[in-house]
């Protein structure tokens, strides 16, 4: 979804900004300050990965649910089509007593060969 994409890029841009800020200010901050900044960024990165993993699992569950629903609806639609076809099929005619019977055609007579002259 669009919200997911916006959240993803916003979070990534914040992480990039922090990394860039660390690179620019690394000389101004002492070793203890660098350690704190790096630990803070690692924590933020871990939180970002965890949030994205949760979002991924939610989307995967929605995909599975959607796929199952579509398969169920497809089966119902196919049964509906088959039932509709059966209803439209003409019923086989049963021979009734009032129906005229067909006379069988007269037997074919073989043509006699004409004598050769």
PDB file of N, CA and C in Angstrom:
ATOM      1  N   UNK A   1       0.831  -1.181   0.000  1.00  0.00           N
ATOM      2  CA  UNK A   1       0.000   0.000   0.000  1.00  0.00           C
ATOM      3  C   UNK A   1       0.878   1.248   0.000  1.00  0.00           C
ATOM      4  N   UNK A   2       0.274   2.348  -0.288  1.00  0.00           N
ATOM      5  CA  UNK A   2       1.015   3.604  -0.369  1.00  0.00           C
ATOM      6  C   UNK A   2       1.541   4.012   1.003  1.00  0.00           C
ATOM      7  N   UNK A   3       0.744   3.799   2.050  1.00  0.00           N
ATOM      8  CA  UNK A   3       1.181   4.154   3.405  1.00  0.00           C
ATOM      9  C   UNK A   3       2.417   3.359   3.793  1.00  0.00           C
ATOM     10  N   UNK A   4       2.416   2.063   3.476  1.00  0.00           N
ATOM     11  CA  UNK A   4       3.570   1.220   3.791  1.00  0.00           C
ATOM     12  C   UNK A   4       4.815   1.754   3.087  1.00  0.00           C
ATOM     13  N   UNK A   5       4.693   2.096   1.821  1.00  0.00           N
ATOM     14  CA  UNK A   5       5.819   2.627   1.067  1.00  0.00           C
ATOM     15  C   UNK A   5       6.321   3.944   1.638  1.00  0.00           C
ATOM     16  N   UNK A   6       5.377   4.819   1.992  1.00  0.00           N
ATOM     17  CA  UNK A   6       5.767   6.110   2.586  1.00  0.00           C
ATOM     18  C   UNK A   6       6.494   5.907   3.914  1.00  0.00           C
ATOM     19  N   UNK A   7       5.955   5.024   4.760  1.00  0.00           N
ATOM     20  CA  UNK A   7       6.593   4.740   6.054  1.00  0.00           C
ATOM     21  C   UNK A   7       7.992   4.156   5.862  1.00  0.00           C
ATOM     22  N   UNK A   8       8.117   3.271   4.901  1.00  0.00           N
ATOM     23  CA  UNK A   8       9.419   2.648   4.633  1.00  0.00           C
ATOM     24  C   UNK A   8      10.454   3.701   4.240  1.00  0.00           C
ATOM     25  N   UNK A   9      10.107   4.555   3.280  1.00  0.00           N
ATOM     26  CA  UNK A   9      11.059   5.562   2.813  1.00  0.00           C
ATOM     27  C   UNK A   9      11.340   6.611   3.885  1.00  0.00           C
ATOM     28  N   UNK A  10      10.357   6.958   4.690  1.00  0.00           N
ATOM     29  CA  UNK A  10      10.579   7.918   5.777  1.00  0.00           C
ATOM     30  C   UNK A  10      11.569   7.349   6.787  1.00  0.00           C
ATOM     31  N   UNK A  11      11.364   6.098   7.169  1.00  0.00           N
ATOM     32  CA  UNK A  11      12.272   5.462   8.136  1.00  0.00           C
ATOM     33  C   UNK A  11      13.681   5.343   7.575  1.00  0.00           C
ATOM     34  N   UNK A  12      13.777   4.953   6.319  1.00  0.00           N
ATOM     35  CA  UNK A  12      15.101   4.832   5.702  1.00  0.00           C
ATOM     36  C   UNK A  12      15.802   6.185   5.591  1.00  0.00           C
ATOM     37  N   UNK A  13      15.056   7.208   5.266  1.00  0.00           N
ATOM     38  CA  UNK A  13      15.680   8.527   5.136  1.00  0.00           C
ATOM     39  C   UNK A  13      16.172   9.027   6.495  1.00  0.00           C
ATOM     40  N   UNK A  14      15.452   8.720   7.573  1.00  0.00           N
ATOM     41  CA  UNK A  14      15.919   9.100   8.903  1.00  0.00           C
ATOM     42  C   UNK A  14      17.212   8.370   9.260  1.00  0.00           C
ATOM     43  N   UNK A  15      17.275   7.089   8.934  1.00  0.00           N
ATOM     44  CA  UNK A  15      18.509   6.334   9.195  1.00  0.00           C
ATOM     45  C   UNK A  15      19.679   6.887   8.380  1.00  0.00           C
ATOM     46  N   UNK A  16      19.439   7.193   7.127  1.00  0.00           N
ATOM     47  CA  UNK A  16      20.502   7.767   6.285  1.00  0.00           C
ATOM     48  C   UNK A  16      20.980   9.102   6.839  1.00  0.00           C
ATOM     49  N   UNK A  17      20.029   9.908   7.326  1.00  0.00           N
ATOM     50  CA  UNK A  17      20.374  11.213   7.889  1.00  0.00           C
ATOM     51  C   UNK A  17      21.260  11.043   9.122  1.00  0.00           C
ATOM     52  N   UNK A  18      20.929  10.059   9.956  1.00  0.00           N
ATOM     53  CA  UNK A  18      21.743   9.806  11.155  1.00  0.00           C
ATOM     54  C   UNK A  18      23.152   9.350  10.781  1.00  0.00           C
ATOM     55  N   UNK A  19      23.245   8.468   9.792  1.00  0.00           N
ATOM     56  CA  UNK A  19      24.567   7.983   9.358  1.00  0.00           C
ATOM     57  C   UNK A  19      25.379   9.137   8.782  1.00  0.00           C
ATOM     58  N   UNK A  20      24.751   9.960   7.960  1.00  0.00           N
ATOM     59  CA  UNK A  20      25.438  11.112   7.377  1.00  0.00           C
ATOM     60  C   UNK A  20      25.906  12.074   8.476  1.00  0.00           C
ATOM     61  N   UNK A  21      25.031  12.319   9.447  1.00  0.00           N
ATOM     62  CA  UNK A  21      25.370  13.205  10.557  1.00  0.00           C
ATOM     63  C   UNK A  21      26.565  12.671  11.344  1.00  0.00           C
ATOM     64  N   UNK A  22      26.590  11.360  11.549  1.00  0.00           N
ATOM     65  CA  UNK A  22      27.727  10.751  12.245  1.00  0.00           C
ATOM     66  C   UNK A  22      29.006  10.966  11.451  1.00  0.00           C
ATOM     67  N   UNK A  23      28.943  10.750  10.139  1.00  0.00           N
ATOM     68  CA  UNK A  23      30.119  10.926   9.290  1.00  0.00           C
ATOM     69  C   UNK A  23      30.645  12.347   9.318  1.00  0.00           C
ATOM     70  N   UNK A  24      29.748  13.323   9.339  1.00  0.00           N
ATOM     71  CA  UNK A  24      30.141  14.731   9.346  1.00  0.00           C
ATOM     72  C   UNK A  24      30.720  15.113  10.706  1.00  0.00           C
ATOM     73  N   UNK A  25      30.127  14.611  11.780  1.00  0.00           N
ATOM     74  CA  UNK A  25      30.502  15.049  13.129  1.00  0.00           C
ATOM     75  C   UNK A  25      31.449  14.099  13.845  1.00  0.00           C
ATOM     76  N   UNK A  26      31.989  13.124  13.196  1.00  0.00           N
ATOM     77  CA  UNK A  26      32.818  12.119  13.871  1.00  0.00           C
ATOM     78  C   UNK A  26      34.072  12.731  14.489  1.00  0.00           C
ATOM     79  N   UNK A  27      34.610  13.744  13.844  1.00  0.00           N
ATOM     80  CA  UNK A  27      35.830  14.363  14.373  1.00  0.00           C
ATOM     81  C   UNK A  27      35.529  15.256  15.573  1.00  0.00           C
ATOM     82  N   UNK A  28      34.308  15.794  15.659  1.00  0.00           N
ATOM     83  CA  UNK A  28      33.941  16.697  16.752  1.00  0.00           C
ATOM     84  C   UNK A  28      33.579  15.950  18.032  1.00  0.00           C
ATOM     85  N   UNK A  29      33.216  14.710  17.894  1.00  0.00           N
ATOM     86  CA  UNK A  29      32.751  13.925  19.035  1.00  0.00           C
ATOM     87  C   UNK A  29      33.892  13.013  19.479  1.00  0.00           C
ATOM     88  N   UNK A  30      34.065  12.882  20.775  1.00  0.00           N
ATOM     89  CA  UNK A  30      35.105  11.997  21.279  1.00  0.00           C
ATOM     90  C   UNK A  30      34.719  10.543  21.129  1.00  0.00           C
ATOM     91  N   UNK A  31      35.625   9.635  21.471  1.00  0.00           N
ATOM     92  CA  UNK A  31      35.358   8.204  21.338  1.00  0.00           C
ATOM     93  C   UNK A  31      34.089   7.755  22.065  1.00  0.00           C
ATOM     94  N   UNK A  32      33.844   8.300  23.227  1.00  0.00           N
ATOM     95  CA  UNK A  32      32.631   7.917  23.973  1.00  0.00           C
ATOM     96  C   UNK A  32      31.382   8.386  23.226  1.00  0.00           C
ATOM     97  N   UNK A  33      31.451   9.566  22.653  1.00  0.00           N
ATOM     98  CA  UNK A  33      30.312  10.097  21.895  1.00  0.00           C
ATOM     99  C   UNK A  33      30.064   9.286  20.637  1.00  0.00           C
ATOM    100  N   UNK A  34      31.129   8.892  19.947  1.00  0.00           N
ATOM    101  CA  UNK A  34      30.989   8.059  18.740  1.00  0.00           C
ATOM    102  C   UNK A  34      30.337   6.732  19.110  1.00  0.00           C
ATOM    103  N   UNK A  35      30.792   6.156  20.210  1.00  0.00           N
ATOM    104  CA  UNK A  35      30.225   4.868  20.647  1.00  0.00           C
ATOM    105  C   UNK A  35      28.728   5.012  20.916  1.00  0.00           C
ATOM    106  N   UNK A  36      28.337   6.088  21.596  1.00  0.00           N
ATOM    107  CA  UNK A  36      26.923   6.318  21.884  1.00  0.00           C
ATOM    108  C   UNK A  36      26.115   6.484  20.596  1.00  0.00           C
ATOM    109  N   UNK A  37      26.639   7.270  19.672  1.00  0.00           N
ATOM    110  CA  UNK A  37      25.928   7.491  18.402  1.00  0.00           C
ATOM    111  C   UNK A  37      25.774   6.189  17.613  1.00  0.00           C
ATOM    112  N   UNK A  38      26.845   5.407  17.567  1.00  0.00           N
ATOM    113  CA  UNK A  38      26.805   4.145  16.825  1.00  0.00           C
ATOM    114  C   UNK A  38      25.818   3.181  17.474  1.00  0.00           C
ATOM    115  N   UNK A  39      25.835   3.075  18.804  1.00  0.00           N
ATOM    116  CA  UNK A  39      24.885   2.188  19.498  1.00  0.00           C
ATOM    117  C   UNK A  39      23.441   2.641  19.256  1.00  0.00           C
ATOM    118  N   UNK A  40      23.224   3.957  19.268  1.00  0.00           N
ATOM    119  CA  UNK A  40      21.883   4.490  18.999  1.00  0.00           C
ATOM    120  C   UNK A  40      21.423   4.158  17.588  1.00  0.00           C
ATOM    121  N   UNK A  41      22.329   4.287  16.626  1.00  0.00           N
ATOM    122  CA  UNK A  41      21.973   3.957  15.235  1.00  0.00           C
ATOM    123  C   UNK A  41      21.722   2.461  15.079  1.00  0.00           C
ATOM    124  N   UNK A  42      22.527   1.634  15.736  1.00  0.00           N
ATOM    125  CA  UNK A  42      22.304   0.192  15.670  1.00  0.00           C
ATOM    126  C   UNK A  42      20.944  -0.174  16.261  1.00  0.00           C
ATOM    127  N   UNK A  43      20.589   0.483  17.365  1.00  0.00           N
ATOM    128  CA  UNK A  43      19.286   0.242  17.988  1.00  0.00           C
ATOM    129  C   UNK A  43      18.161   0.652  17.034  1.00  0.00           C
ATOM    130  N   UNK A  44      18.289   1.816  16.418  1.00  0.00           N
ATOM    131  CA  UNK A  44      17.271   2.278  15.465  1.00  0.00           C
ATOM    132  C   UNK A  44      17.167   1.338  14.258  1.00  0.00           C
ATOM    133  N   UNK A  45      18.303   0.866  13.791  1.00  0.00           N
ATOM    134  CA  UNK A  45      18.303  -0.065  12.664  1.00  0.00           C
ATOM    135  C   UNK A  45      17.622  -1.379  13.046  1.00  0.00           C
ATOM    136  N   UNK A  46      17.892  -1.859  14.257  1.00  0.00           N
ATOM    137  CA  UNK A  46      17.235  -3.093  14.727  1.00  0.00           C
ATOM    138  C   UNK A  46      15.727  -2.897  14.840  1.00  0.00           C
ATOM    139  N   UNK A  47      15.307  -1.745  15.354  1.00  0.00           N
ATOM    140  CA  UNK A  47      13.874  -1.451  15.446  1.00  0.00           C
ATOM    141  C   UNK A  47      13.236  -1.375  14.056  1.00  0.00           C
ATOM    142  N   UNK A  48      13.946  -0.750  13.138  1.00  0.00           N
ATOM    143  CA  UNK A  48      13.450  -0.649  11.763  1.00  0.00           C
ATOM    144  C   UNK A  48      13.268  -2.043  11.156  1.00  0.00           C
ATOM    145  N   UNK A  49      14.275  -2.893  11.334  1.00  0.00           N
ATOM    146  CA  UNK A  49      14.186  -4.248  10.776  1.00  0.00           C
ATOM    147  C   UNK A  49      13.028  -5.023  11.405  1.00  0.00           C
ATOM    148  N   UNK A  50      12.844  -4.871  12.714  1.00  0.00           N
ATOM    149  CA  UNK A  50      11.751  -5.570  13.396  1.00  0.00           C
ATOM    150  C   UNK A  50      10.390  -5.092  12.899  1.00  0.00           C
ATOM    151  N   UNK A  51      10.233  -3.765  12.748  1.00  0.00           N
ATOM    152  CA  UNK A  51       8.964  -3.232  12.228  1.00  0.00           C
ATOM    153  C   UNK A  51       8.703  -3.751  10.817  1.00  0.00           C
ATOM    154  N   UNK A  52       9.729  -3.761   9.981  1.00  0.00           N
ATOM    155  CA  UNK A  52       9.543  -4.230   8.608  1.00  0.00           C
ATOM    156  C   UNK A  52       9.245  -5.718   8.560  1.00  0.00           C
ATOM    157  N   UNK A  53       9.844  -6.493   9.473  1.00  0.00           N
ATOM    158  CA  UNK A  53       9.552  -7.925   9.535  1.00  0.00           C
ATOM    159  C   UNK A  53       8.088  -8.148   9.909  1.00  0.00           C
ATOM    160  N   UNK A  54       7.587  -7.366  10.887  1.00  0.00           N
ATOM    161  CA  UNK A  54       6.188  -7.483  11.287  1.00  0.00           C
ATOM    162  C   UNK A  54       5.251  -7.104  10.148  1.00  0.00           C
ATOM    163  N   UNK A  55       5.581  -6.031   9.449  1.00  0.00           N
ATOM    164  CA  UNK A  55       4.758  -5.609   8.307  1.00  0.00           C
ATOM    165  C   UNK A  55       4.770  -6.701   7.238  1.00  0.00           C
ATOM    166  N   UNK A  56       5.950  -7.282   6.990  1.00  0.00           N
ATOM    167  CA  UNK A  56       6.064  -8.339   5.992  1.00  0.00           C
ATOM    168  C   UNK A  56       5.196  -9.535   6.377  1.00  0.00           C
ATOM    169  N   UNK A  57       5.242  -9.929   7.648  1.00  0.00           N
ATOM    170  CA  UNK A  57       4.435 -11.068   8.095  1.00  0.00           C
ATOM    171  C   UNK A  57       2.946 -10.774   7.965  1.00  0.00           C
ATOM    172  N   UNK A  58       2.538  -9.545   8.282  1.00  0.00           N
ATOM    173  CA  UNK A  58       1.127  -9.172   8.115  1.00  0.00           C
ATOM    174  C   UNK A  58       0.719  -9.232   6.651  1.00  0.00           C
ATOM    175  N   UNK A  59       1.566  -8.705   5.779  1.00  0.00           N
ATOM    176  CA  UNK A  59       1.255  -8.729   4.342  1.00  0.00           C
ATOM    177  C   UNK A  59       1.231 -10.159   3.805  1.00  0.00           C
ATOM    178  N   UNK A  60       2.143 -11.005   4.289  1.00  0.00           N
ATOM    179  CA  UNK A  60       2.161 -12.400   3.853  1.00  0.00           C
ATOM    180  C   UNK A  60       0.886 -13.110   4.295  1.00  0.00           C
ATOM    181  N   UNK A  61       0.428 -12.828   5.528  1.00  0.00           N
ATOM    182  CA  UNK A  61      -0.819 -13.432   6.013  1.00  0.00           C
ATOM    183  C   UNK A  61      -2.010 -12.951   5.184  1.00  0.00           C
ATOM    184  N   UNK A  62      -2.028 -11.660   4.858  1.00  0.00           N
ATOM    185  CA  UNK A  62      -3.102 -11.131   4.014  1.00  0.00           C
ATOM    186  C   UNK A  62      -3.075 -11.757   2.631  1.00  0.00           C
ATOM    187  N   UNK A  63      -1.881 -11.967   2.090  1.00  0.00           N
ATOM    188  CA  UNK A  63      -1.760 -12.593   0.774  1.00  0.00           C
ATOM    189  C   UNK A  63      -2.301 -14.014   0.813  1.00  0.00           C
ATOM    190  N   UNK A  64      -1.935 -14.766   1.845  1.00  0.00           N
ATOM    191  CA  UNK A  64      -2.410 -16.143   1.975  1.00  0.00           C
ATOM    192  C   UNK A  64      -3.923 -16.166   2.095  1.00  0.00           C
ATOM    193  N   UNK A  65      -4.457 -15.300   2.934  1.00  0.00           N
ATOM    194  CA  UNK A  65      -5.901 -15.228   3.112  1.00  0.00           C
ATOM    195  C   UNK A  65      -6.593 -14.841   1.806  1.00  0.00           C
ATOM    196  N   UNK A  66      -6.042 -13.867   1.112  1.00  0.00           N
ATOM    197  CA  UNK A  66      -6.622 -13.439  -0.163  1.00  0.00           C
ATOM    198  C   UNK A  66      -6.571 -14.535  -1.210  1.00  0.00           C
ATOM    199  N   UNK A  67      -5.470 -15.272  -1.252  1.00  0.00           N
ATOM    200  CA  UNK A  67      -5.334 -16.367  -2.207  1.00  0.00           C
ATOM    201  C   UNK A  67      -6.353 -17.460  -1.919  1.00  0.00           C
ATOM    202  N   UNK A  68      -6.501 -17.808  -0.641  1.00  0.00           N
ATOM    203  CA  UNK A  68      -7.482 -18.836  -0.268  1.00  0.00           C
ATOM    204  C   UNK A  68      -8.891 -18.389  -0.614  1.00  0.00           C
ATOM    205  N   UNK A  69      -9.202 -17.131  -0.362  1.00  0.00           N
ATOM    206  CA  UNK A  69     -10.530 -16.607  -0.693  1.00  0.00           C
ATOM    207  C   UNK A  69     -10.774 -16.670  -2.191  1.00  0.00           C
ATOM    208  N   UNK A  70      -9.781 -16.266  -2.980  1.00  0.00           N
ATOM    209  CA  UNK A  70      -9.934 -16.310  -4.440  1.00  0.00           C
ATOM    210  C   UNK A  70     -10.123 -17.739  -4.941  1.00  0.00           C
ATOM    211  N   UNK A  71      -9.377 -18.685  -4.376  1.00  0.00           N
ATOM    212  CA  UNK A  71      -9.527 -20.086  -4.790  1.00  0.00           C
ATOM    213  C   UNK A  71     -10.922 -20.591  -4.457  1.00  0.00           C
ATOM    214  N   UNK A  72     -11.428 -20.227  -3.279  1.00  0.00           N
ATOM    215  CA  UNK A  72     -12.780 -20.638  -2.878  1.00  0.00           C
ATOM    216  C   UNK A  72     -13.824 -20.025  -3.819  1.00  0.00           C
ATOM    217  N   UNK A  73     -13.671 -18.740  -4.109  1.00  0.00           N
ATOM    218  CA  UNK A  73     -14.618 -18.074  -5.015  1.00  0.00           C
ATOM    219  C   UNK A  73     -14.545 -18.644  -6.429  1.00  0.00           C
ATOM    220  N   UNK A  74     -13.341 -19.011  -6.867  1.00  0.00           N
ATOM    221  CA  UNK A  74     -13.190 -19.611  -8.190  1.00  0.00           C
ATOM    222  C   UNK A  74     -13.927 -20.941  -8.255  1.00  0.00           C
ATOM    223  N   UNK A  75     -13.801 -21.766  -7.211  1.00  0.00           N
ATOM    224  CA  UNK A  75     -14.493 -23.056  -7.180  1.00  0.00           C
ATOM    225  C   UNK A  75     -16.010 -22.840  -7.190  1.00  0.00           C
ATOM    226  N   UNK A  76     -16.500 -21.864  -6.416  1.00  0.00           N
ATOM    227  CA  UNK A  76     -17.941 -21.576  -6.402  1.00  0.00           C
ATOM    228  C   UNK A  76     -18.415 -21.115  -7.768  1.00  0.00           C
ATOM    229  N   UNK A  77     -17.626 -20.268  -8.421  1.00  0.00           N
ATOM    230  CA  UNK A  77     -17.991 -19.764  -9.736  1.00  0.00           C
ATOM    231  C   UNK A  77     -18.046 -20.902 -10.746  1.00  0.00           C
ATOM    232  N   UNK A  78     -17.066 -21.798 -10.699  1.00  0.00           N
ATOM    233  CA  UNK A  78     -17.062 -22.932 -11.629  1.00  0.00           C
ATOM    234  C   UNK A  78     -18.267 -23.838 -11.389  1.00  0.00           C
ATOM    235  N   UNK A  79     -18.640 -24.070 -10.117  1.00  0.00           N
ATOM    236  CA  UNK A  79     -19.839 -24.875  -9.830  1.00  0.00           C
ATOM    237  C   UNK A  79     -21.085 -24.168 -10.338  1.00  0.00           C
ATOM    238  N   UNK A  80     -21.123 -22.839 -10.152  1.00  0.00           N
ATOM    239  CA  UNK A  80     -22.268 -22.072 -10.613  1.00  0.00           C
ATOM    240  C   UNK A  80     -22.393 -22.171 -12.129  1.00  0.00           C
ATOM    241  N   UNK A  81     -21.266 -22.048 -12.841  1.00  0.00           N
ATOM    242  CA  UNK A  81     -21.286 -22.163 -14.303  1.00  0.00           C
ATOM    243  C   UNK A  81     -21.754 -23.550 -14.728  1.00  0.00           C
ATOM    244  N   UNK A  82     -21.263 -24.583 -14.051  1.00  0.00           N
ATOM    245  CA  UNK A  82     -21.651 -25.956 -14.396  1.00  0.00           C
ATOM    246  C   UNK A  82     -23.143 -26.156 -14.137  1.00  0.00           C
ATOM    247  N   UNK A  83     -23.656 -25.627 -13.026  1.00  0.00           N
ATOM    248  CA  UNK A  83     -25.088 -25.752 -12.719  1.00  0.00           C
ATOM    249  C   UNK A  83     -25.926 -24.999 -13.746  1.00  0.00           C
ATOM    250  N   UNK A  84     -25.476 -23.816 -14.116  1.00  0.00           N
ATOM    251  CA  UNK A  84     -26.210 -23.029 -15.110  1.00  0.00           C
ATOM    252  C   UNK A  84     -26.222 -23.757 -16.449  1.00  0.00           C
ATOM    253  N   UNK A  85     -25.113 -24.402 -16.796  1.00  0.00           N
ATOM    254  CA  UNK A  85     -25.040 -25.157 -18.046  1.00  0.00           C
ATOM    255  C   UNK A  85     -26.001 -26.330 -18.003  1.00  0.00           C
ATOM    256  N   UNK A  86     -26.063 -27.019 -16.879  1.00  0.00           N
ATOM    257  CA  UNK A  86     -26.969 -28.165 -16.740  1.00  0.00           C
ATOM    258  C   UNK A  86     -28.423 -27.722 -16.869  1.00  0.00           C
ATOM    259  N   UNK A  87     -28.759 -26.553 -16.327  1.00  0.00           N
ATOM    260  CA  UNK A  87     -30.126 -26.061 -16.416  1.00  0.00           C
ATOM    261  C   UNK A  87     -30.495 -25.695 -17.843  1.00  0.00           C
ATOM    262  N   UNK A  88     -29.559 -25.215 -18.635  1.00  0.00           N
ATOM    263  CA  UNK A  88     -29.842 -24.798 -20.009  1.00  0.00           C
ATOM    264  C   UNK A  88     -29.828 -25.954 -20.987  1.00  0.00           C
ATOM    265  N   UNK A  89     -29.209 -27.068 -20.602  1.00  0.00           N
ATOM    266  CA  UNK A  89     -29.141 -28.210 -21.496  1.00  0.00           C
ATOM    267  C   UNK A  89     -30.548 -28.736 -21.755  1.00  0.00           C
ATOM    268  N   UNK A  90     -30.876 -29.035 -23.022  1.00  0.00           N
ATOM    269  CA  UNK A  90     -32.208 -29.579 -23.275  1.00  0.00           C
ATOM    270  C   UNK A  90     -32.324 -30.969 -22.649  1.00  0.00           C
ATOM    271  N   UNK A  91     -33.485 -31.206 -22.065  1.00  0.00           N
ATOM    272  CA  UNK A  91     -33.712 -32.508 -21.425  1.00  0.00           C
ATOM    273  C   UNK A  91     -33.879 -33.561 -22.515  1.00  0.00           C
ATOM    274  N   UNK A  92     -33.378 -34.768 -22.290  1.00  0.00           N
ATOM    275  CA  UNK A  92     -33.548 -35.814 -23.298  1.00  0.00           C
ATOM    276  C   UNK A  92     -35.026 -36.150 -23.437  1.00  0.00           C
ATOM    277  N   UNK A  93     -35.435 -36.347 -24.693  1.00  0.00           N
ATOM    278  CA  UNK A  93     -36.847 -36.644 -24.957  1.00  0.00           C
ATOM    279  C   UNK A  93     -37.134 -38.105 -24.666  1.00  0.00           C
ATOM    280  N   UNK A  94     -38.214 -38.313 -23.999  1.00  0.00           N
ATOM    281  CA  UNK A  94     -38.651 -39.689 -23.734  1.00  0.00           C
ATOM    282  C   UNK A  94     -39.700 -40.029 -24.783  1.00  0.00           C
ATOM    283  N   UNK A  95     -39.674 -41.246 -25.268  1.00  0.00           N
ATOM    284  CA  UNK A  95     -40.652 -41.676 -26.271  1.00  0.00           C
ATOM    285  C   UNK A  95     -42.002 -41.783 -25.588  1.00  0.00           C
ATOM    286  N   UNK A  96     -42.986 -41.089 -26.131  1.00  0.00           N
ATOM    287  CA  UNK A  96     -44.319 -41.134 -25.526  1.00  0.00           C
ATOM    288  C   UNK A  96     -45.242 -41.945 -26.421  1.00  0.00           C
ATOM    289  N   UNK A  97     -46.330 -42.419 -25.861  1.00  0.00           N
ATOM    290  CA  UNK A  97     -47.269 -43.263 -26.598  1.00  0.00           C
ATOM    291  C   UNK A  97     -47.982 -42.474 -27.685  1.00  0.00           C
ATOM    292  N   UNK A  98     -48.161 -41.178 -27.484  1.00  0.00           N
ATOM    293  CA  UNK A  98     -48.899 -40.391 -28.466  1.00  0.00           C
ATOM    294  C   UNK A  98     -48.015 -39.942 -29.628  1.00  0.00           C
ATOM    295  N   UNK A  99     -46.743 -40.069 -29.484  1.00  0.00           N
ATOM    296  CA  UNK A  99     -45.850 -39.645 -30.549  1.00  0.00           C
ATOM    297  C   UNK A  99     -45.923 -40.622 -31.709  1.00  0.00           C
ATOM    298  N   UNK A 100     -45.964 -40.095 -32.938  1.00  0.00           N
ATOM    299  CA  UNK A 100     -46.021 -41.015 -34.087  1.00  0.00           C
ATOM    300  C   UNK A 100     -44.724 -41.818 -34.175  1.00  0.00           C
ATOM    301  N   UNK A 101     -44.894 -43.051 -34.579  1.00  0.00           N
ATOM    302  CA  UNK A 101     -43.715 -43.907 -34.738  1.00  0.00           C
ATOM    303  C   UNK A 101     -43.203 -43.774 -36.147  1.00  0.00           C
ATOM    304  N   UNK A 102     -41.944 -43.916 -36.294  1.00  0.00           N
ATOM    305  CA  UNK A 102     -41.336 -43.833 -37.620  1.00  0.00           C
ATOM    306  C   UNK A 102     -41.466 -45.171 -38.307  1.00  0.00           C
ATOM    307  N   UNK A 103     -41.732 -45.050 -39.535  1.00  0.00           N
ATOM    308  CA  UNK A 103     -41.749 -46.268 -40.342  1.00  0.00           C
ATOM    309  C   UNK A 103     -40.349 -46.489 -40.854  1.00  0.00           C
ATOM    310  N   UNK A 104     -39.945 -47.706 -40.863  1.00  0.00           N
ATOM    311  CA  UNK A 104     -38.618 -47.988 -41.396  1.00  0.00           C
ATOM    312  C   UNK A 104     -38.673 -47.887 -42.908  1.00  0.00           C
ATOM    313  N   UNK A 105     -37.615 -47.407 -43.511  1.00  0.00           N
ATOM    314  CA  UNK A 105     -37.606 -47.241 -44.961  1.00  0.00           C
ATOM    315  C   UNK A 105     -37.671 -48.608 -45.647  1.00  0.00           C
ATOM    316  N   UNK A 106     -38.224 -48.629 -46.847  1.00  0.00           N
ATOM    317  CA  UNK A 106     -38.297 -49.915 -47.568  1.00  0.00           C
ATOM    318  C   UNK A 106     -36.896 -50.424 -47.852  1.00  0.00           C
ATOM    319  N   UNK A 107     -36.748 -51.747 -47.871  1.00  0.00           N
ATOM    320  CA  UNK A 107     -35.413 -52.287 -48.130  1.00  0.00           C
ATOM    321  C   UNK A 107     -34.948 -51.879 -49.518  1.00  0.00           C
ATOM    322  N   UNK A 108     -33.700 -51.601 -49.601  1.00  0.00           N
ATOM    323  CA  UNK A 108     -33.128 -51.193 -50.883  1.00  0.00           C
ATOM    324  C   UNK A 108     -33.002 -52.420 -51.767  1.00  0.00           C
ATOM    325  N   UNK A 109     -33.392 -52.254 -52.991  1.00  0.00           N
ATOM    326  CA  UNK A 109     -33.250 -53.367 -53.940  1.00  0.00           C
ATOM    327  C   UNK A 109     -31.979 -53.163 -54.705  1.00  0.00           C
ATOM    328  N   UNK A 110     -31.312 -54.219 -54.864  1.00  0.00           N
ATOM    329  CA  UNK A 110     -30.055 -54.139 -55.592  1.00  0.00           C
ATOM    330  C   UNK A 110     -30.375 -54.011 -57.071  1.00  0.00           C
ATOM    331  N   UNK A 111     -29.722 -53.152 -57.730  1.00  0.00           N
ATOM    332  CA  UNK A 111     -29.941 -52.945 -59.159  1.00  0.00           C
ATOM    333  C   UNK A 111     -29.315 -54.116 -59.896  1.00  0.00           C
ATOM    334  N   UNK A 112     -30.070 -54.671 -60.836  1.00  0.00           N
ATOM    335  CA  UNK A 112     -29.573 -55.793 -61.627  1.00  0.00           C
ATOM    336  C   UNK A 112     -28.654 -55.269 -62.693  1.00  0.00           C
ATOM    337  N   UNK A 113     -27.530 -55.916 -62.830  1.00  0.00           N
ATOM    338  CA  UNK A 113     -26.659 -55.462 -63.908  1.00  0.00           C
ATOM    339  C   UNK A 113     -27.298 -55.750 -65.261  1.00  0.00           C
ATOM    340  N   UNK A 114     -27.156 -54.860 -66.145  1.00  0.00           N
ATOM    341  CA  UNK A 114     -27.691 -55.055 -67.479  1.00  0.00           C
ATOM    342  C   UNK A 114     -26.772 -55.967 -68.270  1.00  0.00           C
ATOM    343  N   UNK A 115     -27.368 -56.830 -69.027  1.00  0.00           N
ATOM    344  CA  UNK A 115     -26.521 -57.731 -69.825  1.00  0.00           C
ATOM    345  C   UNK A 115     -25.732 -56.967 -70.871  1.00  0.00           C
ATOM    346  N   UNK A 116     -24.555 -57.422 -71.064  1.00  0.00           N
ATOM    347  CA  UNK A 116     -23.729 -56.776 -72.057  1.00  0.00           C
ATOM    348  C   UNK A 116     -24.129 -57.279 -73.440  1.00  0.00           C
ATOM    349  N   UNK A 117     -24.130 -56.431 -74.366  1.00  0.00           N
ATOM    350  CA  UNK A 117     -24.498 -56.906 -75.694  1.00  0.00           C
ATOM    351  C   UNK A 117     -23.324 -57.006 -76.606  1.00  0.00           C
TER     352      UNK A 117
END
